[in-house]
Amino acid sequence: MSNVALKRSSPEVQDDSTLVAAFLAGEERAFADLVERYQIRLLNFIYRTIGDRERAEDLVQEVFIRVYRHLHRFDRSKKFSTWAYTIASNLAKNELRNRSRNPLVLFQSIKKSWDDDDRPLQFEDSASRPDDLYRKRHLRELVEASVARLPEHHRQVFVLRELEGKSYEEIADITACNLGTVKSRLNRARNSFAEIIAPALG
């Protein structure tokens, strides 16, 4: 047993760097804890970027395959989450690039089969009245549909900042853009989002 053994019952107590170190020291279950911690977050990020739930699930599996294979090369002075999101971002961009060559796939509709507890952005409160819940559910659907209409490079920074809560610096690392570009794209994305959603809210 490694001297960085984990307590399986409380994975949230371990920070990412501890889990990475444990896995690299031979503690296989540390990888399962990383998957458990990031699977839903990365699924939501990829889904919101490409608009296809089933394909997003496939790509999340590919993210973790790559993480497993290359974790020994990960620069441990960096944040694991930024690295994982960078891999997810690249896979999502490749998916959209490939899809753009196939017009039939490009125009597929955005699916509405999200599970409520899979969403980092919560619009619902269990104590709310039914009419409030309806309005919040409607608002959530409007937000999702509006985000899906943003151009790819705007959508990605918008999702990372507004829905995933990433810092400008993390977004710059994930998207391989400088801070000025990130802020410029985010500003345009916010303006476009407001223009798209405003008629539905009026």
Protein backbone atom coordinates (compact mmCIF):
# COMPACT_ATOMS: atom_id res chain seq x y z
CA MET A 1 0.00 0.00 0.00
CA SER A 2 1.34 3.42 -0.93
CA ASN A 3 2.13 5.97 1.75
CA VAL A 4 -0.30 8.30 -0.03
CA ALA A 5 -3.19 5.90 0.47
CA LEU A 6 -6.68 7.35 0.15
CA LYS A 7 -9.77 7.14 2.27
CA ARG A 8 -12.27 5.85 -0.27
CA SER A 9 -15.24 7.00 1.78
CA SER A 10 -14.42 10.70 1.44
CA PRO A 11 -12.81 11.50 -1.95
CA GLU A 12 -13.81 15.17 -1.72
CA VAL A 13 -11.38 15.59 1.20
CA GLN A 14 -8.47 14.89 -1.15
CA ASP A 15 -7.46 17.77 -3.40
CA ASP A 16 -6.61 17.14 -7.04
CA SER A 17 -2.84 17.25 -6.54
CA THR A 18 -3.07 14.63 -3.78
CA LEU A 19 -5.13 12.33 -6.00
CA VAL A 20 -2.70 12.80 -8.90
CA ALA A 21 0.27 12.03 -6.65
CA ALA A 22 -1.50 8.97 -5.24
CA PHE A 23 -2.28 7.60 -8.71
CA LEU A 24 1.29 8.15 -9.91
CA ALA A 25 2.48 6.32 -6.78
CA GLY A 26 0.44 3.29 -7.81
CA GLU A 27 -2.90 3.95 -6.11
CA GLU A 28 -5.28 3.01 -8.94
CA ARG A 29 -8.44 4.02 -7.08
CA ALA A 30 -7.19 7.63 -7.01
CA PHE A 31 -7.95 7.77 -10.73
CA ALA A 32 -11.52 6.63 -10.08
CA ASP A 33 -11.87 9.51 -7.63
CA LEU A 34 -10.65 11.97 -10.27
CA VAL A 35 -13.18 10.56 -12.73
CA GLU A 36 -15.94 10.80 -10.15
CA ARG A 37 -15.01 14.41 -9.39
CA TYR A 38 -14.84 15.65 -12.99
CA GLN A 39 -17.05 13.40 -15.11
CA ILE A 40 -20.28 15.39 -14.80
CA ARG A 41 -18.55 18.78 -15.04
CA LEU A 42 -16.71 17.81 -18.22
CA LEU A 43 -19.82 16.19 -19.67
CA ASN A 44 -21.79 19.41 -19.17
CA PHE A 45 -18.97 21.48 -20.66
CA ILE A 46 -18.63 19.32 -23.78
CA TYR A 47 -22.39 18.95 -24.19
CA ARG A 48 -22.93 22.70 -24.02
CA THR A 49 -20.13 23.16 -26.56
CA ILE A 50 -21.23 20.59 -29.15
CA GLY A 51 -24.97 20.19 -28.40
CA ASP A 52 -25.05 16.38 -28.63
CA ARG A 53 -25.47 14.44 -25.38
CA GLU A 54 -24.50 11.00 -26.64
CA ARG A 55 -21.42 12.26 -28.45
CA ALA A 56 -20.45 14.29 -25.38
CA GLU A 57 -20.56 11.11 -23.29
CA ASP A 58 -18.21 9.43 -25.78
CA LEU A 59 -15.83 12.38 -25.69
CA VAL A 60 -15.76 12.44 -21.88
CA GLN A 61 -14.62 8.82 -21.95
CA GLU A 62 -11.91 9.84 -24.42
CA VAL A 63 -10.83 12.65 -22.07
CA PHE A 64 -10.26 10.19 -19.24
CA ILE A 65 -8.50 7.70 -21.51
CA ARG A 66 -6.04 10.45 -22.42
CA VAL A 67 -5.70 11.56 -18.81
CA TYR A 68 -4.94 7.98 -17.75
CA ARG A 69 -2.36 7.49 -20.48
CA HIS A 70 -0.58 10.81 -20.08
CA LEU A 71 -0.91 11.75 -16.42
CA HIS A 72 2.75 10.86 -15.84
CA ARG A 73 3.61 13.72 -18.22
CA PHE A 74 1.30 16.24 -16.55
CA ASP A 75 3.10 19.33 -15.21
CA ARG A 76 2.18 19.08 -11.53
CA SER A 77 2.93 22.76 -10.96
CA LYS A 78 -0.27 23.43 -12.95
CA LYS A 79 -3.91 22.83 -11.98
CA PHE A 80 -5.23 19.40 -12.91
CA SER A 81 -8.67 20.87 -13.68
CA THR A 82 -7.21 23.25 -16.25
CA TRP A 83 -5.38 20.38 -17.96
CA ALA A 84 -8.50 18.20 -18.03
CA TYR A 85 -10.64 21.03 -19.43
CA THR A 86 -7.97 21.72 -22.06
CA ILE A 87 -8.17 18.12 -23.27
CA ALA A 88 -11.98 18.34 -23.29
CA SER A 89 -11.86 21.66 -25.14
CA ASN A 90 -9.59 20.26 -27.85
CA LEU A 91 -11.78 17.19 -28.35
CA ALA A 92 -14.90 19.37 -28.56
CA LYS A 93 -13.25 21.66 -31.12
CA ASN A 94 -12.20 18.68 -33.20
CA GLU A 95 -15.74 17.33 -33.05
CA LEU A 96 -17.19 20.63 -34.29
CA ARG A 97 -14.55 20.85 -37.01
CA ASN A 98 -15.40 17.36 -38.24
CA ARG A 99 -19.11 18.07 -37.98
CA SER A 100 -18.81 21.20 -40.10
CA ARG A 101 -17.87 18.93 -42.98
CA ASN A 102 -21.17 17.12 -42.58
CA PRO A 103 -24.16 19.48 -43.07
CA LEU A 104 -26.67 16.87 -41.88
CA VAL A 105 -24.98 16.64 -38.49
CA LEU A 106 -24.42 20.38 -38.29
CA PHE A 107 -28.15 21.09 -38.21
CA GLN A 108 -29.19 18.46 -35.70
CA SER A 109 -31.42 19.79 -32.96
CA ILE A 110 -30.26 20.46 -29.42
CA LYS A 111 -31.42 17.68 -27.17
CA LYS A 112 -33.54 18.41 -24.11
CA SER A 113 -32.73 15.30 -22.08
CA TRP A 114 -30.53 16.81 -19.39
CA ASP A 115 -30.87 15.44 -15.89
CA ASP A 116 -31.51 18.26 -13.44
CA ASP A 117 -28.87 17.13 -10.97
CA ASP A 118 -26.26 17.02 -13.73
CA ARG A 119 -26.38 20.79 -14.09
CA PRO A 120 -23.83 23.02 -12.37
CA LEU A 121 -26.12 25.96 -13.11
CA GLN A 122 -29.22 25.45 -10.99
CA PHE A 123 -32.38 27.41 -11.72
CA GLU A 124 -34.65 25.41 -9.43
CA ASP A 125 -35.29 25.55 -5.71
CA SER A 126 -37.18 22.69 -4.10
CA ALA A 127 -38.97 25.18 -1.83
CA SER A 128 -40.33 27.20 -4.75
CA ARG A 129 -43.98 27.19 -5.73
CA PRO A 130 -44.91 25.19 -8.86
CA ASP A 131 -45.37 28.34 -10.95
CA ASP A 132 -41.90 29.56 -9.88
CA LEU A 133 -40.44 26.17 -10.82
CA TYR A 134 -42.07 26.38 -14.23
CA ARG A 135 -40.61 29.84 -14.85
CA LYS A 136 -37.15 28.75 -13.73
CA ARG A 137 -37.29 25.63 -15.90
CA HIS A 138 -38.40 27.74 -18.85
CA LEU A 139 -35.55 30.20 -18.19
CA ARG A 140 -33.04 27.37 -18.05
CA GLU A 141 -34.21 26.05 -21.41
CA LEU A 142 -33.97 29.54 -22.89
CA VAL A 143 -30.42 29.90 -21.59
CA GLU A 144 -29.37 26.53 -23.04
CA ALA A 145 -30.93 27.25 -26.42
CA SER A 146 -29.38 30.73 -26.53
CA VAL A 147 -25.91 29.44 -25.62
CA ALA A 148 -26.18 26.83 -28.38
CA ARG A 149 -26.68 29.60 -30.96
CA LEU A 150 -23.42 31.39 -30.11
CA PRO A 151 -20.48 30.95 -32.53
CA GLU A 152 -18.13 28.19 -31.41
CA HIS A 153 -15.27 30.36 -30.11
CA HIS A 154 -17.70 32.66 -28.29
CA ARG A 155 -19.75 29.78 -26.91
CA GLN A 156 -16.70 28.10 -25.42
CA VAL A 157 -15.50 31.09 -23.40
CA PHE A 158 -19.08 31.90 -22.36
CA VAL A 159 -19.66 28.38 -21.05
CA LEU A 160 -16.32 28.30 -19.25
CA ARG A 161 -16.87 31.68 -17.57
CA GLU A 162 -20.62 31.98 -17.00
CA LEU A 163 -21.61 28.33 -16.53
CA GLU A 164 -18.41 26.69 -15.27
CA GLY A 165 -17.12 29.66 -13.24
CA LYS A 166 -13.57 29.50 -14.59
CA SER A 167 -11.21 32.46 -14.11
CA TYR A 168 -9.95 34.45 -17.10
CA GLU A 169 -6.50 32.92 -16.58
CA GLU A 170 -7.88 29.37 -16.59
CA ILE A 171 -9.91 30.09 -19.72
CA ALA A 172 -6.78 31.45 -21.42
CA ASP A 173 -4.92 28.23 -20.57
CA ILE A 174 -7.78 25.96 -21.63
CA THR A 175 -8.39 27.71 -24.96
CA ALA A 176 -4.72 28.56 -25.66
CA CYS A 177 -5.63 32.23 -26.11
CA ASN A 178 -4.15 35.30 -24.46
CA LEU A 179 -6.13 37.17 -21.81
CA GLY A 180 -7.01 40.01 -24.17
CA THR A 181 -8.56 37.60 -26.65
CA VAL A 182 -10.46 35.80 -23.90
CA LYS A 183 -11.92 39.06 -22.57
CA SER A 184 -12.77 40.29 -26.06
CA ARG A 185 -14.52 37.04 -27.00
CA LEU A 186 -16.35 36.93 -23.69
CA ASN A 187 -17.58 40.48 -24.11
CA ARG A 188 -18.86 39.69 -27.61
CA ALA A 189 -20.38 36.44 -26.39
CA ARG A 190 -22.25 38.24 -23.60
CA ASN A 191 -23.56 40.84 -26.04
CA SER A 192 -24.64 38.18 -28.53
CA PHE A 193 -26.24 36.10 -25.77
CA ALA A 194 -28.19 39.13 -24.57
CA GLU A 195 -29.41 39.85 -28.11
CA ILE A 196 -30.47 36.25 -28.64
CA ILE A 197 -32.30 35.81 -25.37
CA ALA A 198 -33.84 39.30 -25.05
CA PRO A 199 -36.85 38.72 -27.39
CA ALA A 200 -37.84 35.59 -25.47
CA LEU A 201 -37.64 37.41 -22.14
CA GLY A 202 -39.58 40.42 -23.39
